[in-house]
Protein backbone atom coordinates (compact mmCIF):
# COMPACT_ATOMS: atom_id res chain seq x y z
CA MET A 1 -5.93 -31.23 -62.64
CA ASN A 2 -6.71 -30.57 -66.30
CA ASN A 3 -10.15 -29.91 -67.75
CA SER A 4 -10.92 -33.62 -68.04
CA GLY A 5 -10.40 -34.04 -64.33
CA GLU A 6 -7.27 -36.17 -64.73
CA SER A 7 -4.24 -35.57 -62.56
CA LYS A 8 -1.07 -34.39 -64.28
CA GLY A 9 0.99 -35.68 -61.38
CA SER A 10 1.42 -39.21 -62.82
CA GLU A 11 4.23 -38.21 -65.16
CA GLY A 12 7.43 -39.79 -63.94
CA VAL A 13 5.61 -41.67 -61.13
CA GLU A 14 6.63 -45.27 -60.59
CA LEU A 15 5.15 -47.99 -58.42
CA SER A 16 7.39 -50.07 -56.21
CA ARG A 17 7.12 -53.84 -56.02
CA GLU A 18 5.46 -53.47 -52.63
CA GLU A 19 2.95 -50.94 -54.01
CA ILE A 20 2.09 -53.22 -56.92
CA ARG A 21 1.22 -55.94 -54.43
CA ARG A 22 -0.67 -53.56 -52.10
CA TYR A 23 -2.83 -52.15 -54.90
CA SER A 24 -3.18 -55.40 -56.86
CA ARG A 25 -7.00 -55.35 -56.67
CA HIS A 26 -6.90 -51.94 -58.35
CA LEU A 27 -4.36 -52.98 -60.93
CA ILE A 28 -6.45 -55.86 -62.28
CA MET A 29 -9.34 -53.48 -62.97
CA PRO A 30 -9.08 -52.11 -66.53
CA GLU A 31 -10.57 -48.79 -65.36
CA VAL A 32 -7.60 -48.33 -63.03
CA GLY A 33 -4.61 -50.50 -63.94
CA ILE A 34 -1.01 -49.43 -63.56
CA ARG A 35 -1.70 -46.10 -65.29
CA GLY A 36 -4.56 -45.22 -62.98
CA GLN A 37 -2.68 -46.21 -59.84
CA LYS A 38 0.16 -43.96 -60.91
CA LYS A 39 -2.37 -41.14 -61.27
CA LEU A 40 -3.53 -41.78 -57.71
CA LYS A 41 0.03 -41.77 -56.43
CA GLY A 42 0.79 -38.55 -58.28
CA ALA A 43 -2.34 -36.76 -57.06
CA SER A 44 -2.89 -34.50 -54.06
CA VAL A 45 -6.12 -34.05 -52.12
CA LEU A 46 -6.94 -31.60 -49.34
CA LEU A 47 -9.45 -32.60 -46.66
CA ILE A 48 -11.08 -29.65 -44.92
CA GLY A 49 -12.00 -31.12 -41.54
CA THR A 50 -11.00 -34.44 -40.00
CA GLY A 51 -14.27 -35.15 -38.18
CA GLY A 52 -17.24 -37.28 -39.18
CA LEU A 53 -16.75 -36.93 -42.94
CA GLY A 54 -12.99 -36.46 -42.81
CA SER A 55 -12.52 -39.78 -40.99
CA PRO A 56 -13.76 -42.14 -43.74
CA LEU A 57 -12.28 -39.84 -46.36
CA GLY A 58 -8.85 -40.05 -44.79
CA LEU A 59 -9.04 -43.80 -44.27
CA TYR A 60 -10.16 -44.68 -47.78
CA LEU A 61 -8.07 -42.18 -49.74
CA THR A 62 -4.98 -43.24 -47.83
CA SER A 63 -5.75 -46.91 -48.42
CA ALA A 64 -6.39 -46.18 -52.12
CA GLY A 65 -2.89 -44.76 -52.49
CA VAL A 66 -3.52 -41.05 -53.13
CA GLY A 67 0.07 -39.83 -52.99
CA ARG A 68 -0.32 -36.66 -50.92
CA ILE A 69 -3.16 -35.87 -48.54
CA GLY A 70 -3.50 -32.57 -46.71
CA LEU A 71 -5.54 -32.25 -43.51
CA VAL A 72 -6.96 -28.98 -42.19
CA ASP A 73 -8.25 -28.91 -38.61
CA PHE A 74 -7.55 -27.15 -35.32
CA ASP A 75 -9.69 -29.15 -32.89
CA VAL A 76 -8.88 -31.80 -30.30
CA VAL A 77 -10.51 -35.21 -30.01
CA ASP A 78 -13.54 -35.09 -27.74
CA PHE A 79 -15.24 -38.10 -26.17
CA THR A 80 -18.47 -37.26 -28.06
CA ASN A 81 -16.57 -37.57 -31.37
CA LEU A 82 -16.03 -41.30 -30.99
CA GLN A 83 -19.61 -42.20 -31.97
CA ARG A 84 -18.90 -41.28 -35.60
CA GLN A 85 -15.30 -40.10 -36.11
CA VAL A 86 -13.77 -43.50 -36.76
CA LEU A 87 -10.22 -42.20 -37.19
CA TYR A 88 -9.89 -41.93 -33.42
CA THR A 89 -9.91 -44.19 -30.39
CA ALA A 90 -10.66 -43.55 -26.73
CA ALA A 91 -6.91 -43.21 -26.16
CA ASP A 92 -6.89 -40.17 -28.49
CA VAL A 93 -9.31 -38.09 -26.39
CA GLY A 94 -7.67 -34.77 -25.62
CA ARG A 95 -5.07 -35.06 -28.39
CA PRO A 96 -5.00 -32.67 -31.36
CA LYS A 97 -7.01 -34.29 -34.14
CA LEU A 98 -4.29 -33.75 -36.73
CA GLU A 99 -1.68 -35.43 -34.56
CA ALA A 100 -3.86 -38.50 -34.03
CA ALA A 101 -5.08 -38.55 -37.65
CA LYS A 102 -1.60 -38.37 -39.16
CA GLU A 103 -0.38 -41.14 -36.87
CA ARG A 104 -3.29 -43.41 -37.83
CA LEU A 105 -3.16 -42.74 -41.57
CA THR A 106 0.60 -43.16 -41.74
CA ALA A 107 0.25 -46.51 -39.98
CA ILE A 108 -2.30 -47.57 -42.60
CA ASN A 109 -0.15 -46.60 -45.58
CA PRO A 110 3.38 -45.28 -44.93
CA SER A 111 3.90 -44.50 -48.62
CA VAL A 112 1.30 -41.70 -48.54
CA ALA A 113 2.54 -38.25 -47.56
CA ILE A 114 0.24 -36.78 -44.89
CA GLU A 115 0.55 -33.00 -44.56
CA THR A 116 -1.15 -31.15 -41.72
CA HIS A 117 -2.43 -27.58 -41.47
CA GLU A 118 -3.34 -27.09 -37.83
CA GLU A 119 -5.22 -23.82 -38.14
CA ARG A 120 -8.69 -22.47 -38.78
CA LEU A 121 -9.35 -21.96 -42.48
CA THR A 122 -9.90 -18.23 -43.04
CA SER A 123 -10.12 -15.73 -45.87
CA GLU A 124 -6.51 -14.83 -45.11
CA ASN A 125 -5.00 -18.32 -45.50
CA ALA A 126 -7.46 -20.30 -47.65
CA LEU A 127 -5.99 -19.50 -51.08
CA GLU A 128 -2.47 -20.26 -49.93
CA ILE A 129 -3.46 -23.60 -48.39
CA LEU A 130 -5.76 -24.79 -51.19
CA ARG A 131 -3.43 -23.74 -54.00
CA GLY A 132 -1.07 -26.66 -53.46
CA TYR A 133 -3.62 -29.44 -54.03
CA ASP A 134 -5.40 -30.91 -57.04
CA ILE A 135 -8.75 -31.58 -55.36
CA VAL A 136 -10.43 -30.06 -52.32
CA ILE A 137 -12.93 -32.05 -50.24
CA ASP A 138 -15.27 -30.19 -47.92
CA GLY A 139 -15.95 -32.11 -44.73
CA THR A 140 -17.05 -29.14 -42.64
CA ASP A 141 -20.26 -28.59 -40.72
CA ASN A 142 -20.82 -24.84 -40.82
CA PHE A 143 -21.97 -22.40 -43.49
CA PRO A 144 -19.18 -19.79 -43.30
CA THR A 145 -16.53 -22.42 -44.06
CA ARG A 146 -18.62 -24.01 -46.81
CA TYR A 147 -18.94 -20.69 -48.62
CA LEU A 148 -15.25 -19.96 -48.01
CA VAL A 149 -14.16 -23.32 -49.44
CA ASN A 150 -16.48 -22.91 -52.44
CA ASP A 151 -15.30 -19.41 -53.26
CA ALA A 152 -11.63 -20.30 -52.89
CA CYS A 153 -12.07 -23.33 -55.15
CA VAL A 154 -13.77 -21.25 -57.85
CA LEU A 155 -11.09 -18.57 -57.69
CA LEU A 156 -8.37 -21.23 -57.93
CA ALA A 157 -10.25 -23.32 -60.55
CA LYS A 158 -10.25 -26.45 -58.37
CA PRO A 159 -13.00 -29.06 -57.97
CA ASN A 160 -14.80 -29.03 -54.62
CA VAL A 161 -16.15 -32.41 -53.48
CA TYR A 162 -19.02 -31.47 -51.17
CA GLY A 163 -20.83 -33.42 -48.49
CA SER A 164 -23.09 -32.60 -45.55
CA ILE A 165 -24.88 -34.64 -42.89
CA PHE A 166 -27.66 -34.10 -40.35
CA ARG A 167 -29.52 -36.63 -38.23
CA PHE A 168 -30.49 -39.37 -40.74
CA GLU A 169 -29.95 -37.42 -43.97
CA GLY A 170 -26.95 -36.55 -46.08
CA GLN A 171 -26.09 -35.05 -49.41
CA ALA A 172 -23.12 -34.98 -51.76
CA SER A 173 -22.08 -33.29 -54.99
CA VAL A 174 -19.05 -32.10 -56.93
CA PHE A 175 -18.84 -28.38 -57.58
CA ASP A 176 -16.55 -27.47 -60.47
CA ALA A 177 -17.28 -24.06 -61.94
CA SER A 178 -15.37 -24.89 -65.13
CA ARG A 179 -17.84 -27.68 -65.93
CA GLY A 180 -20.96 -26.94 -63.91
CA PRO A 181 -22.48 -25.05 -60.98
CA CYS A 182 -20.78 -24.00 -57.75
CA TYR A 183 -22.16 -24.14 -54.21
CA ARG A 184 -23.50 -20.57 -54.56
CA CYS A 185 -25.55 -21.67 -57.57
CA LEU A 186 -27.30 -24.14 -55.27
CA TYR A 187 -27.46 -21.92 -52.18
CA PRO A 188 -27.17 -18.25 -53.25
CA GLU A 189 -27.75 -17.03 -49.68
CA PRO A 190 -26.97 -18.69 -46.35
CA PRO A 191 -29.92 -19.53 -44.09
CA PRO A 192 -30.66 -17.15 -41.20
CA PRO A 193 -28.46 -17.86 -38.17
CA GLY A 194 -29.96 -20.59 -36.00
CA LEU A 195 -32.47 -21.81 -38.58
CA VAL A 196 -30.42 -24.91 -39.45
CA PRO A 197 -29.10 -26.60 -36.28
CA SER A 198 -25.64 -28.12 -36.25
CA CYS A 199 -24.97 -31.78 -35.55
CA ALA A 200 -24.07 -30.74 -31.99
CA GLU A 201 -27.58 -29.33 -31.60
CA GLY A 202 -29.63 -31.74 -33.71
CA GLY A 203 -27.56 -34.91 -33.61
CA VAL A 204 -26.40 -37.27 -36.35
CA LEU A 205 -26.59 -41.03 -36.87
CA GLY A 206 -23.02 -42.22 -36.29
CA ILE A 207 -23.01 -44.36 -39.44
CA LEU A 208 -24.23 -41.58 -41.75
CA PRO A 209 -20.90 -39.71 -42.18
CA GLY A 210 -19.35 -43.03 -43.17
CA ILE A 211 -21.82 -43.37 -46.04
CA ILE A 212 -21.50 -39.78 -47.27
CA GLY A 213 -17.74 -39.67 -46.69
CA VAL A 214 -17.24 -42.81 -48.77
CA ILE A 215 -19.30 -41.25 -51.57
CA GLN A 216 -17.04 -38.19 -51.44
CA ALA A 217 -13.94 -40.40 -51.51
CA THR A 218 -15.34 -42.26 -54.53
CA GLU A 219 -15.92 -38.98 -56.37
CA ALA A 220 -12.38 -37.82 -55.62
CA VAL A 221 -10.89 -41.05 -56.95
CA LYS A 222 -13.03 -40.80 -60.12
CA LEU A 223 -11.84 -37.23 -60.67
CA ILE A 224 -8.22 -38.32 -60.32
CA LEU A 225 -8.65 -41.26 -62.67
CA GLY A 226 -10.72 -39.24 -65.13
CA THR A 227 -13.29 -42.00 -65.35
CA GLY A 228 -16.99 -42.47 -64.76
CA GLU A 229 -19.63 -39.79 -64.31
CA PRO A 230 -18.82 -37.38 -61.48
CA LEU A 231 -21.56 -35.69 -59.48
CA ILE A 232 -21.04 -32.43 -61.34
CA GLY A 233 -24.44 -30.82 -61.88
CA ARG A 234 -26.08 -33.40 -59.63
CA LEU A 235 -26.98 -33.34 -55.93
CA LEU A 236 -27.24 -36.80 -54.38
CA LEU A 237 -29.64 -36.97 -51.42
CA PHE A 238 -29.63 -39.89 -48.98
CA ASN A 239 -32.22 -40.78 -46.33
CA ALA A 240 -30.95 -43.49 -43.98
CA LEU A 241 -34.34 -44.09 -42.35
CA LYS A 242 -35.90 -44.93 -45.69
CA MET A 243 -32.63 -46.29 -47.12
CA ARG A 244 -33.31 -44.30 -50.25
CA PHE A 245 -31.20 -42.21 -52.60
CA ARG A 246 -32.64 -39.39 -54.69
CA GLU A 247 -30.94 -37.15 -57.22
CA LEU A 248 -31.56 -33.53 -58.13
CA LYS A 249 -30.25 -31.93 -61.30
CA LEU A 250 -28.31 -28.73 -60.70
CA ARG A 251 -27.80 -26.00 -63.25
CA LYS A 252 -25.21 -23.30 -63.38
CA ASN A 253 -26.78 -19.98 -62.45
CA PRO A 254 -25.83 -17.37 -65.07
CA ASP A 255 -26.46 -14.69 -62.43
CA CYS A 256 -24.26 -16.36 -59.80
CA PRO A 257 -22.13 -13.58 -58.26
CA LEU A 258 -19.12 -15.90 -58.22
CA CYS A 259 -19.17 -18.14 -61.31
CA GLY A 260 -21.89 -16.49 -63.42
CA THR A 261 -21.64 -14.47 -66.60
CA HIS A 262 -20.83 -11.24 -64.79
CA PRO A 263 -19.24 -12.18 -61.45
CA THR A 264 -19.11 -9.58 -58.69
CA VAL A 265 -17.32 -11.69 -56.07
CA LYS A 266 -13.70 -11.65 -57.18
CA GLN A 267 -11.94 -12.17 -53.87
CA LEU A 268 -12.59 -13.86 -50.54
CA ILE A 269 -14.85 -11.97 -48.14
CA ASP A 270 -15.78 -11.98 -44.45
CA TYR A 271 -17.84 -15.18 -44.31
CA GLU A 272 -18.87 -14.86 -40.66
CA ALA A 273 -20.48 -11.52 -41.53
CA PHE A 274 -21.91 -12.93 -44.79
CA CYS A 275 -23.67 -15.66 -42.80
CA GLY A 276 -24.88 -13.16 -40.17
CA LEU A 277 -22.81 -14.63 -37.35
CA ARG A 278 -20.53 -11.71 -36.46
CA ARG A 279 -21.68 -9.76 -33.42
CA GLY A 280 -19.37 -6.83 -33.78
CA GLU A 281 -16.59 -5.45 -31.65
CA GLU A 282 -18.52 -4.04 -28.69
CA GLY A 283 -17.08 -6.62 -26.28
CA PRO A 284 -18.72 -8.56 -23.45
CA SER A 285 -20.99 -5.70 -22.43
CA SER A 286 -22.51 -5.38 -25.90
CA ALA A 287 -26.24 -5.30 -26.49
CA ALA A 288 -25.99 -8.79 -27.94
CA ASP A 289 -24.80 -10.10 -24.56
CA GLU A 290 -27.16 -8.21 -22.25
CA TRP A 291 -29.79 -10.89 -22.84
CA GLU A 292 -27.47 -13.69 -21.71
CA ILE A 293 -26.55 -15.06 -18.30
CA SER A 294 -23.62 -17.33 -17.45
CA ALA A 295 -23.93 -20.62 -15.58
CA ASP A 296 -22.09 -19.15 -12.59
CA GLU A 297 -24.36 -16.11 -12.52
CA LEU A 298 -27.46 -18.31 -12.66
CA LYS A 299 -26.11 -20.49 -9.86
CA ALA A 300 -25.51 -17.41 -7.68
CA LEU A 301 -29.02 -16.08 -8.26
CA LEU A 302 -30.58 -19.43 -7.41
CA ALA A 303 -28.46 -19.68 -4.26
CA LYS A 304 -29.84 -16.31 -3.17
CA GLY A 305 -33.39 -17.59 -3.62
CA LYS A 306 -34.10 -15.37 -6.62
CA PRO A 307 -37.62 -16.22 -7.88
CA LEU A 308 -36.62 -17.33 -11.38
CA LYS A 309 -38.62 -19.43 -13.79
CA ILE A 310 -36.25 -21.70 -15.72
CA ILE A 311 -37.47 -22.86 -19.14
CA ASP A 312 -35.87 -25.78 -20.99
CA VAL A 313 -36.44 -25.40 -24.76
CA ARG A 314 -34.83 -28.70 -25.78
CA GLU A 315 -36.77 -31.70 -27.01
CA PRO A 316 -38.20 -34.32 -24.58
CA HIS A 317 -35.57 -36.95 -25.45
CA GLU A 318 -32.84 -34.45 -24.49
CA TYR A 319 -34.66 -33.52 -21.29
CA GLU A 320 -34.45 -37.18 -20.29
CA ILE A 321 -30.65 -37.12 -20.55
CA CYS A 322 -30.13 -34.28 -18.08
CA ARG A 323 -31.85 -31.13 -16.85
CA ILE A 324 -31.47 -28.24 -14.44
CA GLU A 325 -33.55 -28.93 -11.36
CA GLY A 326 -36.94 -27.20 -11.41
CA ALA A 327 -36.85 -26.40 -15.13
CA LYS A 328 -40.08 -26.46 -17.10
CA LEU A 329 -39.90 -28.16 -20.49
CA ILE A 330 -41.31 -26.20 -23.44
CA PRO A 331 -39.65 -27.67 -26.56
CA THR A 332 -38.65 -25.40 -29.42
CA SER A 333 -41.00 -27.39 -31.68
CA GLU A 334 -43.94 -26.31 -29.47
CA PHE A 335 -42.68 -22.94 -28.29
CA VAL A 336 -44.80 -20.63 -30.44
CA GLN A 337 -48.00 -22.46 -29.52
CA ARG A 338 -47.16 -22.50 -25.79
CA ILE A 339 -45.97 -18.92 -25.24
CA GLY A 340 -49.30 -18.34 -23.49
CA GLU A 341 -48.08 -20.53 -20.62
CA LEU A 342 -45.46 -17.90 -19.74
CA ASP A 343 -46.04 -14.68 -17.77
CA SER A 344 -44.18 -11.57 -18.91
CA ALA A 345 -44.09 -10.41 -15.27
CA ASP A 346 -41.90 -13.36 -14.30
CA GLU A 347 -38.14 -13.34 -14.55
CA LEU A 348 -37.33 -16.09 -17.07
CA VAL A 349 -34.12 -17.93 -17.90
CA LEU A 350 -34.18 -20.05 -21.07
CA TYR A 351 -31.70 -22.77 -21.83
CA CYS A 352 -31.04 -25.46 -24.43
CA HIS A 353 -28.01 -27.69 -25.12
CA LYS A 354 -25.40 -25.12 -26.23
CA GLY A 355 -27.30 -21.82 -26.18
CA LEU A 356 -28.44 -21.40 -29.79
CA ARG A 357 -32.07 -22.53 -29.57
CA SER A 358 -32.62 -20.63 -26.33
CA ARG A 359 -31.45 -17.41 -28.01
CA ASN A 360 -33.95 -18.01 -30.81
CA ALA A 361 -36.72 -18.62 -28.25
CA LEU A 362 -35.65 -15.46 -26.43
CA GLU A 363 -36.05 -13.43 -29.62
CA LEU A 364 -39.60 -14.79 -29.99
CA LEU A 365 -40.39 -13.67 -26.45
CA ARG A 366 -38.85 -10.26 -27.04
CA SER A 367 -41.05 -9.80 -30.10
CA ALA A 368 -44.03 -10.73 -27.91
CA GLY A 369 -43.18 -7.99 -25.40
CA PHE A 370 -41.26 -9.97 -22.76
CA LYS A 371 -38.44 -7.98 -21.16
CA ARG A 372 -37.36 -9.90 -18.05
CA ILE A 373 -35.72 -12.73 -19.92
CA LYS A 374 -32.23 -14.22 -20.25
CA SER A 375 -30.66 -17.03 -22.23
CA LEU A 376 -28.16 -19.32 -20.49
CA ARG A 377 -24.86 -18.82 -22.29
CA GLY A 378 -23.48 -22.20 -23.37
CA GLY A 379 -26.71 -23.95 -22.37
CA VAL A 380 -27.01 -26.96 -20.11
CA ASP A 381 -23.59 -28.09 -21.32
CA ALA A 382 -22.01 -25.03 -19.67
CA TRP A 383 -24.02 -25.74 -16.51
CA ALA A 384 -22.67 -29.30 -16.41
CA GLU A 385 -19.13 -28.13 -17.05
CA THR A 386 -18.94 -25.31 -14.49
CA VAL A 387 -21.70 -25.92 -11.91
CA ASP A 388 -22.70 -29.59 -11.79
CA PRO A 389 -19.82 -31.89 -12.84
CA GLU A 390 -21.95 -34.96 -12.00
CA MET A 391 -24.48 -34.05 -14.67
CA PRO A 392 -24.23 -36.23 -17.84
CA ARG A 393 -22.96 -34.33 -20.88
CA TYR A 394 -23.83 -35.14 -24.47
C-alpha cells in the first residue's frame, strides 16, 4: 500500500475473460472499472480470526476478487459457532476452521489464493505473518490480540481495519498511524480483566457480526481502490436494537506511546501481561488456583454429603437453560446488593458459565471477609462436560 491507500500490486495484473464476466457488475461502475478490479486482484489482505467477523469478511472479499487472502486461526468448528459463523455448516463441526474455511472460499472463487496460518498470533510470529500483506483486518474477540495486531500494524506501517461485537452492539474503524490515530489512541489502557465479558459470556446476536464484518470488508475494498472516505479518525457505532448508527471523531494522541510524538513502545511486548491476564509460572498449586475447585472435585464433595452452599452468579435467562441441582441464583448484576444473603460461616461454591464471573464474585466476597469460598473452574460448562453429559450446553 502507498500513502494514498492504493495497492501497488495491480502493475502487470490482467483479468481473464472469465474474471471479466464474474466481476462485470464491478467493471461497469466508474469507481471500480477494469483498473480497480486489477487493484483488487493484485492486493493481499490478512484476516485475523475466521469466526463471527471473519466469516462475512472471507465470503465478501473472496467474492469481490481480492487476489490473495490470508487466514489466521487455530480453533476448530464448534456447534455453538453455527449461530453466527456463516462460513461453516453442521458437517464442519470438529474440523479445523482453516481447513473448512479454505475449502468453502476456494469453492466460491477458485481464482483467489487462500493462504492459511494455523497458529495463535503471538509477539514472536506477528511481524513475520503480517509483513506479507497489504491490509490487516482484526476479527478477534480479546484484548491481548487487539493490542498485538494494532502494535504490529503500526510498526509495519499497515492499515488495521478494526471491528468488535457484543450482544446487540458493534463498532468499526480503520486505524492507520500514518494518517490518523491507532487503537492505543482510542484505548490507551486495556480494561481490568473480567470487566468486559466476552461473547461466550455475554452472548451476541447472530446477525450482528454479519453487519460489522461487511462494514470492515467495505473499508478494506475502499482502501485497495483508493476511493471514498475511509473510517480513519472515525469510530462507527451500531446499535441493532435501535437500528441506529452513530459516529465519534477520533484524534491522534500526541502522547500515544506507540504512534505519538515520542513513542516508547518500539517493539512487540507481552500482551497477556499487559492486559493483566498472566497468572505467572507457579503451576496448578499457585495462590491463584487455591480459590478454585474442579467439577470432579465438587462432584466428589457432594457425593460425600459435604454441606456446601452452591451459588449461581449467572443471569436468570441463563439459569433457565441449565443449572446445578440445589444452586441458589444470585446474578452478578445483583451480587453486591445481595451479599447479605450469604453467611461467611458457610462453605460456598460459586459458578457461572465459564468461570470468569464467578471469580469476580469470589473476589468481592474475599474483600468482604469471606474465606470458605471456591469458584468452579470452567463453570457450569465444565460440569456439563465432565459430570452431567445430559445437561444442555450453550
